[in-house]
Amino acid sequence: MVGSLEAGKQADIIIVDMDQPHLTPLYRPYSQLVYAARGADVKTSIVAGRLLLRDRKLLTLDVDTAITRVREIARAISSDRNPS
Protein backbone atom coordinates (compact mmCIF):
# COMPACT_ATOMS: atom_id res chain seq x y z
CA MET A 1 0.00 0.00 0.00
CA VAL A 2 3.00 2.36 0.47
CA GLY A 3 6.61 2.78 -0.62
CA SER A 4 6.19 4.04 -4.17
CA LEU A 5 3.87 6.15 -6.30
CA GLU A 6 1.65 3.73 -8.16
CA ALA A 7 -2.04 3.43 -8.98
CA GLY A 8 -3.96 1.91 -6.10
CA LYS A 9 -1.44 2.86 -3.42
CA GLN A 10 -1.94 5.46 -0.74
CA ALA A 11 0.02 8.69 -1.04
CA ASP A 12 0.71 11.80 1.00
CA ILE A 13 1.81 14.50 -1.42
CA ILE A 14 1.93 18.27 -1.45
CA ILE A 15 2.44 20.51 -4.45
CA VAL A 16 4.27 23.70 -3.57
CA ASP A 17 4.13 26.86 -5.67
CA MET A 18 7.86 27.55 -6.00
CA ASP A 19 7.23 30.57 -8.23
CA GLN A 20 7.22 33.01 -5.32
CA PRO A 21 9.52 35.97 -4.62
CA HIS A 22 10.75 34.51 -1.31
CA LEU A 23 11.65 31.25 -3.08
CA THR A 24 13.61 32.96 -5.86
CA PRO A 25 16.26 32.28 -6.99
CA LEU A 26 15.92 28.54 -6.66
CA TYR A 27 19.38 27.05 -6.30
CA ARG A 28 18.72 24.18 -3.92
CA PRO A 29 15.09 23.03 -3.95
CA TYR A 30 15.28 20.91 -0.78
CA SER A 31 16.84 23.76 1.20
CA GLN A 32 14.27 26.21 -0.14
CA LEU A 33 11.43 23.92 0.96
CA VAL A 34 12.88 23.47 4.44
CA TYR A 35 14.10 26.99 5.16
CA ALA A 36 12.05 29.38 3.03
CA ALA A 37 8.74 27.81 1.98
CA ARG A 38 5.62 28.45 4.05
CA GLY A 39 2.33 26.68 4.46
CA ALA A 40 0.69 29.30 2.26
CA ASP A 41 2.92 28.13 -0.60
CA VAL A 42 1.15 24.75 -0.69
CA LYS A 43 -1.26 24.65 -3.63
CA THR A 44 -2.42 21.04 -3.46
CA SER A 45 -2.46 18.44 -0.70
CA ILE A 46 -3.24 14.74 -1.03
CA VAL A 47 -3.40 12.57 2.09
CA ALA A 48 -3.75 8.78 1.89
CA GLY A 49 -4.62 9.25 -1.76
CA ARG A 50 -7.48 11.67 -0.94
CA LEU A 51 -7.43 15.17 -2.43
CA LEU A 52 -7.92 17.63 0.45
CA LEU A 53 -6.70 20.94 -0.99
CA ARG A 54 -6.73 22.08 -4.62
CA ASP A 55 -5.53 25.51 -5.78
CA ARG A 56 -5.40 26.55 -2.12
CA LYS A 57 -9.10 25.72 -1.63
CA LEU A 58 -10.11 23.27 1.09
CA LEU A 59 -12.29 20.54 -0.34
CA THR A 60 -13.22 18.69 2.86
CA LEU A 61 -14.13 21.51 5.22
CA ASP A 62 -16.63 24.35 5.15
CA VAL A 63 -14.35 27.10 6.44
CA ASP A 64 -17.13 29.60 7.21
CA THR A 65 -19.03 27.03 9.27
CA ALA A 66 -15.85 26.00 11.10
CA ILE A 67 -14.98 29.63 11.94
CA THR A 68 -18.50 30.29 13.22
CA ARG A 69 -18.42 27.16 15.39
CA VAL A 70 -14.98 27.96 16.84
CA ARG A 71 -16.12 31.49 17.71
CA GLU A 72 -19.15 30.03 19.50
CA ILE A 73 -16.90 27.69 21.49
CA ALA A 74 -14.53 30.55 22.35
CA ARG A 75 -17.45 32.66 23.62
CA ALA A 76 -18.65 29.77 25.77
CA ILE A 77 -15.16 29.25 27.23
CA SER A 78 -14.79 32.98 27.87
CA SER A 79 -18.15 33.22 29.61
CA ASP A 80 -17.29 30.17 31.77
CA ARG A 81 -14.05 31.84 32.88
CA ASN A 82 -15.62 35.28 33.44
CA PRO A 83 -19.13 34.77 34.82
CA SER A 84 -21.18 37.95 35.18
PDB file of N, CA and C in Angstrom:
ATOM      1  N   MET A   1       0.809  -1.201   0.000  1.00  0.00           N
ATOM      2  CA  MET A   1       0.000   0.000   0.000  1.00  0.00           C
ATOM      3  C   MET A   1       0.857   1.272   0.000  1.00  0.00           C
ATOM      4  N   VAL A   2       2.132   1.185   0.410  1.00  0.00           N
ATOM      5  CA  VAL A   2       2.998   2.361   0.473  1.00  0.00           C
ATOM      6  C   VAL A   2       4.379   2.014  -0.073  1.00  0.00           C
ATOM      7  N   GLY A   3       5.225   3.019  -0.220  1.00  0.00           N
ATOM      8  CA  GLY A   3       6.607   2.775  -0.623  1.00  0.00           C
ATOM      9  C   GLY A   3       6.955   3.281  -2.002  1.00  0.00           C
ATOM     10  N   SER A   4       5.948   3.511  -2.829  1.00  0.00           N
ATOM     11  CA  SER A   4       6.193   4.044  -4.171  1.00  0.00           C
ATOM     12  C   SER A   4       4.911   4.699  -4.665  1.00  0.00           C
ATOM     13  N   LEU A   5       5.045   5.523  -5.703  1.00  0.00           N
ATOM     14  CA  LEU A   5       3.867   6.153  -6.299  1.00  0.00           C
ATOM     15  C   LEU A   5       3.364   5.281  -7.434  1.00  0.00           C
ATOM     16  N   GLU A   6       2.261   4.608  -7.176  1.00  0.00           N
ATOM     17  CA  GLU A   6       1.647   3.732  -8.165  1.00  0.00           C
ATOM     18  C   GLU A   6       0.133   3.771  -7.977  1.00  0.00           C
ATOM     19  N   ALA A   7      -0.580   3.493  -9.050  1.00  0.00           N
ATOM     20  CA  ALA A   7      -2.045   3.433  -8.977  1.00  0.00           C
ATOM     21  C   ALA A   7      -2.454   2.416  -7.930  1.00  0.00           C
ATOM     22  N   GLY A   8      -3.433   2.809  -7.112  1.00  0.00           N
ATOM     23  CA  GLY A   8      -3.965   1.909  -6.102  1.00  0.00           C
ATOM     24  C   GLY A   8      -3.262   2.000  -4.759  1.00  0.00           C
ATOM     25  N   LYS A   9      -2.137   2.703  -4.689  1.00  0.00           N
ATOM     26  CA  LYS A   9      -1.437   2.864  -3.423  1.00  0.00           C
ATOM     27  C   LYS A   9      -1.817   4.194  -2.781  1.00  0.00           C
ATOM     28  N   GLN A  10      -1.676   4.234  -1.457  1.00  0.00           N
ATOM     29  CA  GLN A  10      -1.942   5.464  -0.738  1.00  0.00           C
ATOM     30  C   GLN A  10      -0.766   6.412  -0.930  1.00  0.00           C
ATOM     31  N   ALA A  11      -1.045   7.710  -0.874  1.00  0.00           N
ATOM     32  CA  ALA A  11       0.024   8.687  -1.039  1.00  0.00           C
ATOM     33  C   ALA A  11      -0.272   9.934  -0.236  1.00  0.00           C
ATOM     34  N   ASP A  12       0.763  10.482   0.378  1.00  0.00           N
ATOM     35  CA  ASP A  12       0.714  11.797   1.004  1.00  0.00           C
ATOM     36  C   ASP A  12       1.632  12.679   0.173  1.00  0.00           C
ATOM     37  N   ILE A  13       1.043  13.656  -0.493  1.00  0.00           N
ATOM     38  CA  ILE A  13       1.806  14.498  -1.417  1.00  0.00           C
ATOM     39  C   ILE A  13       1.343  15.940  -1.249  1.00  0.00           C
ATOM     40  N   ILE A  14       2.300  16.867  -1.336  1.00  0.00           N
ATOM     41  CA  ILE A  14       1.927  18.272  -1.451  1.00  0.00           C
ATOM     42  C   ILE A  14       2.570  18.819  -2.717  1.00  0.00           C
ATOM     43  N   ILE A  15       1.892  19.779  -3.317  1.00  0.00           N
ATOM     44  CA  ILE A  15       2.442  20.506  -4.451  1.00  0.00           C
ATOM     45  C   ILE A  15       2.653  21.937  -3.975  1.00  0.00           C
ATOM     46  N   VAL A  16       3.890  22.386  -4.071  1.00  0.00           N
ATOM     47  CA  VAL A  16       4.268  23.704  -3.574  1.00  0.00           C
ATOM     48  C   VAL A  16       4.488  24.637  -4.756  1.00  0.00           C
ATOM     49  N   ASP A  17       3.930  25.829  -4.655  1.00  0.00           N
ATOM     50  CA  ASP A  17       4.130  26.857  -5.671  1.00  0.00           C
ATOM     51  C   ASP A  17       5.492  27.497  -5.434  1.00  0.00           C
ATOM     52  N   MET A  18       6.491  27.057  -6.184  1.00  0.00           N
ATOM     53  CA  MET A  18       7.858  27.547  -6.003  1.00  0.00           C
ATOM     54  C   MET A  18       8.104  28.847  -6.755  1.00  0.00           C
ATOM     55  N   ASP A  19       7.099  29.334  -7.467  1.00  0.00           N
ATOM     56  CA  ASP A  19       7.226  30.574  -8.230  1.00  0.00           C
ATOM     57  C   ASP A  19       6.794  31.755  -7.367  1.00  0.00           C
ATOM     58  N   GLN A  20       7.513  31.952  -6.281  1.00  0.00           N
ATOM     59  CA  GLN A  20       7.219  33.007  -5.322  1.00  0.00           C
ATOM     60  C   GLN A  20       8.482  33.833  -5.091  1.00  0.00           C
ATOM     61  N   PRO A  21       8.340  35.124  -4.830  1.00  0.00           N
ATOM     62  CA  PRO A  21       9.524  35.967  -4.625  1.00  0.00           C
ATOM     63  C   PRO A  21      10.464  35.452  -3.532  1.00  0.00           C
ATOM     64  N   HIS A  22       9.894  34.976  -2.411  1.00  0.00           N
ATOM     65  CA  HIS A  22      10.750  34.514  -1.312  1.00  0.00           C
ATOM     66  C   HIS A  22      11.399  33.161  -1.601  1.00  0.00           C
ATOM     67  N   LEU A  23      11.033  32.526  -2.690  1.00  0.00           N
ATOM     68  CA  LEU A  23      11.648  31.254  -3.081  1.00  0.00           C
ATOM     69  C   LEU A  23      12.528  31.410  -4.319  1.00  0.00           C
ATOM     70  N   THR A  24      12.818  32.650  -4.673  1.00  0.00           N
ATOM     71  CA  THR A  24      13.609  32.955  -5.859  1.00  0.00           C
ATOM     72  C   THR A  24      14.882  33.675  -5.449  1.00  0.00           C
ATOM     73  N   PRO A  25      16.020  33.324  -6.003  1.00  0.00           N
ATOM     74  CA  PRO A  25      16.261  32.275  -6.993  1.00  0.00           C
ATOM     75  C   PRO A  25      16.246  30.896  -6.339  1.00  0.00           C
ATOM     76  N   LEU A  26      16.025  29.907  -7.136  1.00  0.00           N
ATOM     77  CA  LEU A  26      15.918  28.536  -6.658  1.00  0.00           C
ATOM     78  C   LEU A  26      17.196  27.771  -7.020  1.00  0.00           C
ATOM     79  N   TYR A  27      18.125  27.762  -6.081  1.00  0.00           N
ATOM     80  CA  TYR A  27      19.377  27.045  -6.305  1.00  0.00           C
ATOM     81  C   TYR A  27      19.323  25.625  -5.770  1.00  0.00           C
ATOM     82  N   ARG A  28      18.775  25.494  -4.575  1.00  0.00           N
ATOM     83  CA  ARG A  28      18.725  24.182  -3.916  1.00  0.00           C
ATOM     84  C   ARG A  28      17.294  23.927  -3.453  1.00  0.00           C
ATOM     85  N   PRO A  29      16.517  23.209  -4.252  1.00  0.00           N
ATOM     86  CA  PRO A  29      15.087  23.030  -3.946  1.00  0.00           C
ATOM     87  C   PRO A  29      14.807  22.476  -2.553  1.00  0.00           C
ATOM     88  N   TYR A  30      15.553  21.481  -2.104  1.00  0.00           N
ATOM     89  CA  TYR A  30      15.285  20.907  -0.782  1.00  0.00           C
ATOM     90  C   TYR A  30      15.506  21.941   0.311  1.00  0.00           C
ATOM     91  N   SER A  31      16.574  22.711   0.216  1.00  0.00           N
ATOM     92  CA  SER A  31      16.840  23.757   1.203  1.00  0.00           C
ATOM     93  C   SER A  31      15.757  24.830   1.169  1.00  0.00           C
ATOM     94  N   GLN A  32      15.324  25.198  -0.022  1.00  0.00           N
ATOM     95  CA  GLN A  32      14.266  26.208  -0.141  1.00  0.00           C
ATOM     96  C   GLN A  32      12.989  25.727   0.551  1.00  0.00           C
ATOM     97  N   LEU A  33      12.641  24.465   0.326  1.00  0.00           N
ATOM     98  CA  LEU A  33      11.434  23.923   0.963  1.00  0.00           C
ATOM     99  C   LEU A  33      11.541  23.937   2.482  1.00  0.00           C
ATOM    100  N   VAL A  34      12.708  23.563   2.993  1.00  0.00           N
ATOM    101  CA  VAL A  34      12.882  23.473   4.442  1.00  0.00           C
ATOM    102  C   VAL A  34      12.988  24.849   5.090  1.00  0.00           C
ATOM    103  N   TYR A  35      13.761  25.745   4.490  1.00  0.00           N
ATOM    104  CA  TYR A  35      14.099  26.994   5.163  1.00  0.00           C
ATOM    105  C   TYR A  35      13.304  28.220   4.706  1.00  0.00           C
ATOM    106  N   ALA A  36      12.705  28.176   3.536  1.00  0.00           N
ATOM    107  CA  ALA A  36      12.053  29.383   3.026  1.00  0.00           C
ATOM    108  C   ALA A  36      10.568  29.211   2.713  1.00  0.00           C
ATOM    109  N   ALA A  37      10.145  28.019   2.349  1.00  0.00           N
ATOM    110  CA  ALA A  37       8.738  27.811   1.982  1.00  0.00           C
ATOM    111  C   ALA A  37       7.847  27.902   3.220  1.00  0.00           C
ATOM    112  N   ARG A  38       6.612  28.315   2.988  1.00  0.00           N
ATOM    113  CA  ARG A  38       5.623  28.451   4.054  1.00  0.00           C
ATOM    114  C   ARG A  38       4.391  27.619   3.713  1.00  0.00           C
ATOM    115  N   GLY A  39       3.555  27.425   4.689  1.00  0.00           N
ATOM    116  CA  GLY A  39       2.328  26.678   4.463  1.00  0.00           C
ATOM    117  C   GLY A  39       1.473  27.291   3.375  1.00  0.00           C
ATOM    118  N   ALA A  40       1.491  28.612   3.285  1.00  0.00           N
ATOM    119  CA  ALA A  40       0.693  29.301   2.261  1.00  0.00           C
ATOM    120  C   ALA A  40       1.187  29.022   0.850  1.00  0.00           C
ATOM    121  N   ASP A  41       2.384  28.464   0.717  1.00  0.00           N
ATOM    122  CA  ASP A  41       2.921  28.129  -0.604  1.00  0.00           C
ATOM    123  C   ASP A  41       2.377  26.801  -1.131  1.00  0.00           C
ATOM    124  N   VAL A  42       1.713  26.038  -0.266  1.00  0.00           N
ATOM    125  CA  VAL A  42       1.152  24.754  -0.686  1.00  0.00           C
ATOM    126  C   VAL A  42      -0.098  25.015  -1.516  1.00  0.00           C
ATOM    127  N   LYS A  43      -0.111  24.477  -2.732  1.00  0.00           N
ATOM    128  CA  LYS A  43      -1.259  24.646  -3.632  1.00  0.00           C
ATOM    129  C   LYS A  43      -2.206  23.460  -3.560  1.00  0.00           C
ATOM    130  N   THR A  44      -1.631  22.271  -3.437  1.00  0.00           N
ATOM    131  CA  THR A  44      -2.419  21.040  -3.460  1.00  0.00           C
ATOM    132  C   THR A  44      -1.908  20.102  -2.382  1.00  0.00           C
ATOM    133  N   SER A  45      -2.828  19.406  -1.729  1.00  0.00           N
ATOM    134  CA  SER A  45      -2.464  18.444  -0.697  1.00  0.00           C
ATOM    135  C   SER A  45      -3.293  17.173  -0.887  1.00  0.00           C
ATOM    136  N   ILE A  46      -2.600  16.055  -0.912  1.00  0.00           N
ATOM    137  CA  ILE A  46      -3.239  14.737  -1.032  1.00  0.00           C
ATOM    138  C   ILE A  46      -2.778  13.909   0.153  1.00  0.00           C
ATOM    139  N   VAL A  47      -3.719  13.375   0.917  1.00  0.00           N
ATOM    140  CA  VAL A  47      -3.397  12.565   2.087  1.00  0.00           C
ATOM    141  C   VAL A  47      -4.070  11.213   1.939  1.00  0.00           C
ATOM    142  N   ALA A  48      -3.266  10.161   2.048  1.00  0.00           N
ATOM    143  CA  ALA A  48      -3.752   8.784   1.889  1.00  0.00           C
ATOM    144  C   ALA A  48      -4.501   8.635   0.571  1.00  0.00           C
ATOM    145  N   GLY A  49      -4.016   9.335  -0.453  1.00  0.00           N
ATOM    146  CA  GLY A  49      -4.624   9.253  -1.764  1.00  0.00           C
ATOM    147  C   GLY A  49      -5.873  10.106  -1.933  1.00  0.00           C
ATOM    148  N   ARG A  50      -6.262  10.850  -0.909  1.00  0.00           N
ATOM    149  CA  ARG A  50      -7.483  11.670  -0.944  1.00  0.00           C
ATOM    150  C   ARG A  50      -7.113  13.142  -1.134  1.00  0.00           C
ATOM    151  N   LEU A  51      -7.666  13.777  -2.147  1.00  0.00           N
ATOM    152  CA  LEU A  51      -7.426  15.174  -2.430  1.00  0.00           C
ATOM    153  C   LEU A  51      -8.140  16.036  -1.397  1.00  0.00           C
ATOM    154  N   LEU A  52      -7.357  16.804  -0.604  1.00  0.00           N
ATOM    155  CA  LEU A  52      -7.924  17.633   0.450  1.00  0.00           C
ATOM    156  C   LEU A  52      -7.891  19.115   0.111  1.00  0.00           C
ATOM    157  N   LEU A  53      -6.891  19.531  -0.662  1.00  0.00           N
ATOM    158  CA  LEU A  53      -6.701  20.937  -0.994  1.00  0.00           C
ATOM    159  C   LEU A  53      -6.321  21.031  -2.461  1.00  0.00           C
ATOM    160  N   ARG A  54      -7.039  21.874  -3.205  1.00  0.00           N
ATOM    161  CA  ARG A  54      -6.726  22.079  -4.624  1.00  0.00           C
ATOM    162  C   ARG A  54      -6.737  23.575  -4.890  1.00  0.00           C
ATOM    163  N   ASP A  55      -5.661  24.069  -5.500  1.00  0.00           N
ATOM    164  CA  ASP A  55      -5.533  25.505  -5.779  1.00  0.00           C
ATOM    165  C   ASP A  55      -5.823  26.346  -4.539  1.00  0.00           C
ATOM    166  N   ARG A  56      -5.275  25.884  -3.421  1.00  0.00           N
ATOM    167  CA  ARG A  56      -5.396  26.549  -2.116  1.00  0.00           C
ATOM    168  C   ARG A  56      -6.831  26.600  -1.582  1.00  0.00           C
ATOM    169  N   LYS A  57      -7.706  25.783  -2.091  1.00  0.00           N
ATOM    170  CA  LYS A  57      -9.100  25.719  -1.626  1.00  0.00           C
ATOM    171  C   LYS A  57      -9.316  24.387  -0.907  1.00  0.00           C
ATOM    172  N   LEU A  58      -9.791  24.476   0.344  1.00  0.00           N
ATOM    173  CA  LEU A  58     -10.108  23.266   1.095  1.00  0.00           C
ATOM    174  C   LEU A  58     -11.308  22.578   0.477  1.00  0.00           C
ATOM    175  N   LEU A  59     -11.210  21.291   0.291  1.00  0.00           N
ATOM    176  CA  LEU A  59     -12.289  20.536  -0.340  1.00  0.00           C
ATOM    177  C   LEU A  59     -13.082  19.706   0.663  1.00  0.00           C
ATOM    178  N   THR A  60     -12.583  19.582   1.894  1.00  0.00           N
ATOM    179  CA  THR A  60     -13.216  18.692   2.862  1.00  0.00           C
ATOM    180  C   THR A  60     -13.750  19.412   4.089  1.00  0.00           C
ATOM    181  N   LEU A  61     -13.727  20.747   4.065  1.00  0.00           N
ATOM    182  CA  LEU A  61     -14.134  21.507   5.223  1.00  0.00           C
ATOM    183  C   LEU A  61     -14.823  22.790   4.777  1.00  0.00           C
ATOM    184  N   ASP A  62     -15.949  23.073   5.388  1.00  0.00           N
ATOM    185  CA  ASP A  62     -16.633  24.351   5.147  1.00  0.00           C
ATOM    186  C   ASP A  62     -16.017  25.355   6.109  1.00  0.00           C
ATOM    187  N   VAL A  63     -15.117  26.179   5.610  1.00  0.00           N
ATOM    188  CA  VAL A  63     -14.346  27.099   6.439  1.00  0.00           C
ATOM    189  C   VAL A  63     -15.248  28.069   7.191  1.00  0.00           C
ATOM    190  N   ASP A  64     -16.241  28.641   6.539  1.00  0.00           N
ATOM    191  CA  ASP A  64     -17.128  29.598   7.206  1.00  0.00           C
ATOM    192  C   ASP A  64     -17.859  28.956   8.383  1.00  0.00           C
ATOM    193  N   THR A  65     -18.344  27.747   8.187  1.00  0.00           N
ATOM    194  CA  THR A  65     -19.032  27.034   9.265  1.00  0.00           C
ATOM    195  C   THR A  65     -18.068  26.729  10.400  1.00  0.00           C
ATOM    196  N   ALA A  66     -16.854  26.314  10.076  1.00  0.00           N
ATOM    197  CA  ALA A  66     -15.853  26.003  11.099  1.00  0.00           C
ATOM    198  C   ALA A  66     -15.499  27.252  11.904  1.00  0.00           C
ATOM    199  N   ILE A  67     -15.308  28.380  11.250  1.00  0.00           N
ATOM    200  CA  ILE A  67     -14.980  29.632  11.944  1.00  0.00           C
ATOM    201  C   ILE A  67     -16.116  30.033  12.872  1.00  0.00           C
ATOM    202  N   THR A  68     -17.341  29.950  12.396  1.00  0.00           N
ATOM    203  CA  THR A  68     -18.502  30.291  13.218  1.00  0.00           C
ATOM    204  C   THR A  68     -18.550  29.402  14.451  1.00  0.00           C
ATOM    205  N   ARG A  69     -18.355  28.117  14.271  1.00  0.00           N
ATOM    206  CA  ARG A  69     -18.420  27.164  15.388  1.00  0.00           C
ATOM    207  C   ARG A  69     -17.306  27.427  16.402  1.00  0.00           C
ATOM    208  N   VAL A  70     -16.096  27.689  15.929  1.00  0.00           N
ATOM    209  CA  VAL A  70     -14.978  27.962  16.840  1.00  0.00           C
ATOM    210  C   VAL A  70     -15.228  29.238  17.633  1.00  0.00           C
ATOM    211  N   ARG A  71     -15.796  30.251  16.993  1.00  0.00           N
ATOM    212  CA  ARG A  71     -16.117  31.490  17.707  1.00  0.00           C
ATOM    213  C   ARG A  71     -17.166  31.238  18.792  1.00  0.00           C
ATOM    214  N   GLU A  72     -18.142  30.388  18.500  1.00  0.00           N
ATOM    215  CA  GLU A  72     -19.148  30.030  19.502  1.00  0.00           C
ATOM    216  C   GLU A  72     -18.504  29.331  20.693  1.00  0.00           C
ATOM    217  N   ILE A  73     -17.605  28.419  20.421  1.00  0.00           N
ATOM    218  CA  ILE A  73     -16.903  27.692  21.491  1.00  0.00           C
ATOM    219  C   ILE A  73     -16.061  28.656  22.311  1.00  0.00           C
ATOM    220  N   ALA A  74     -15.362  29.574  21.635  1.00  0.00           N
ATOM    221  CA  ALA A  74     -14.528  30.550  22.346  1.00  0.00           C
ATOM    222  C   ALA A  74     -15.377  31.429  23.262  1.00  0.00           C
ATOM    223  N   ARG A  75     -16.550  31.846  22.777  1.00  0.00           N
ATOM    224  CA  ARG A  75     -17.447  32.660  23.619  1.00  0.00           C
ATOM    225  C   ARG A  75     -17.893  31.865  24.850  1.00  0.00           C
ATOM    226  N   ALA A  76     -18.212  30.598  24.652  1.00  0.00           N
ATOM    227  CA  ALA A  76     -18.645  29.769  25.772  1.00  0.00           C
ATOM    228  C   ALA A  76     -17.515  29.603  26.780  1.00  0.00           C
ATOM    229  N   ILE A  77     -16.304  29.384  26.330  1.00  0.00           N
ATOM    230  CA  ILE A  77     -15.165  29.250  27.231  1.00  0.00           C
ATOM    231  C   ILE A  77     -14.936  30.558  27.975  1.00  0.00           C
ATOM    232  N   SER A  78     -14.997  31.660  27.256  1.00  0.00           N
ATOM    233  CA  SER A  78     -14.787  32.980  27.867  1.00  0.00           C
ATOM    234  C   SER A  78     -15.843  33.264  28.930  1.00  0.00           C
ATOM    235  N   SER A  79     -17.086  32.947  28.630  1.00  0.00           N
ATOM    236  CA  SER A  79     -18.150  33.217  29.613  1.00  0.00           C
ATOM    237  C   SER A  79     -18.036  32.292  30.818  1.00  0.00           C
ATOM    238  N   ASP A  80     -17.514  31.082  30.647  1.00  0.00           N
ATOM    239  CA  ASP A  80     -17.290  30.174  31.774  1.00  0.00           C
ATOM    240  C   ASP A  80     -16.190  30.699  32.682  1.00  0.00           C
ATOM    241  N   ARG A  81     -15.186  31.340  32.100  1.00  0.00           N
ATOM    242  CA  ARG A  81     -14.053  31.845  32.880  1.00  0.00           C
ATOM    243  C   ARG A  81     -14.376  33.195  33.541  1.00  0.00           C
ATOM    244  N   ASN A  82     -15.279  33.959  32.931  1.00  0.00           N
ATOM    245  CA  ASN A  82     -15.622  35.282  33.437  1.00  0.00           C
ATOM    246  C   ASN A  82     -17.130  35.396  33.644  1.00  0.00           C
ATOM    247  N   PRO A  83     -17.674  34.680  34.619  1.00  0.00           N
ATOM    248  CA  PRO A  83     -19.133  34.767  34.815  1.00  0.00           C
ATOM    249  C   PRO A  83     -19.537  36.166  35.264  1.00  0.00           C
ATOM    250  N   SER A  84     -20.700  36.596  34.842  1.00  0.00           N
ATOM    251  CA  SER A  84     -21.181  37.950  35.180  1.00  0.00           C
ATOM    252  C   SER A  84     -21.620  38.059  36.595  1.00  0.00           C
TER     253      SER A  84
END
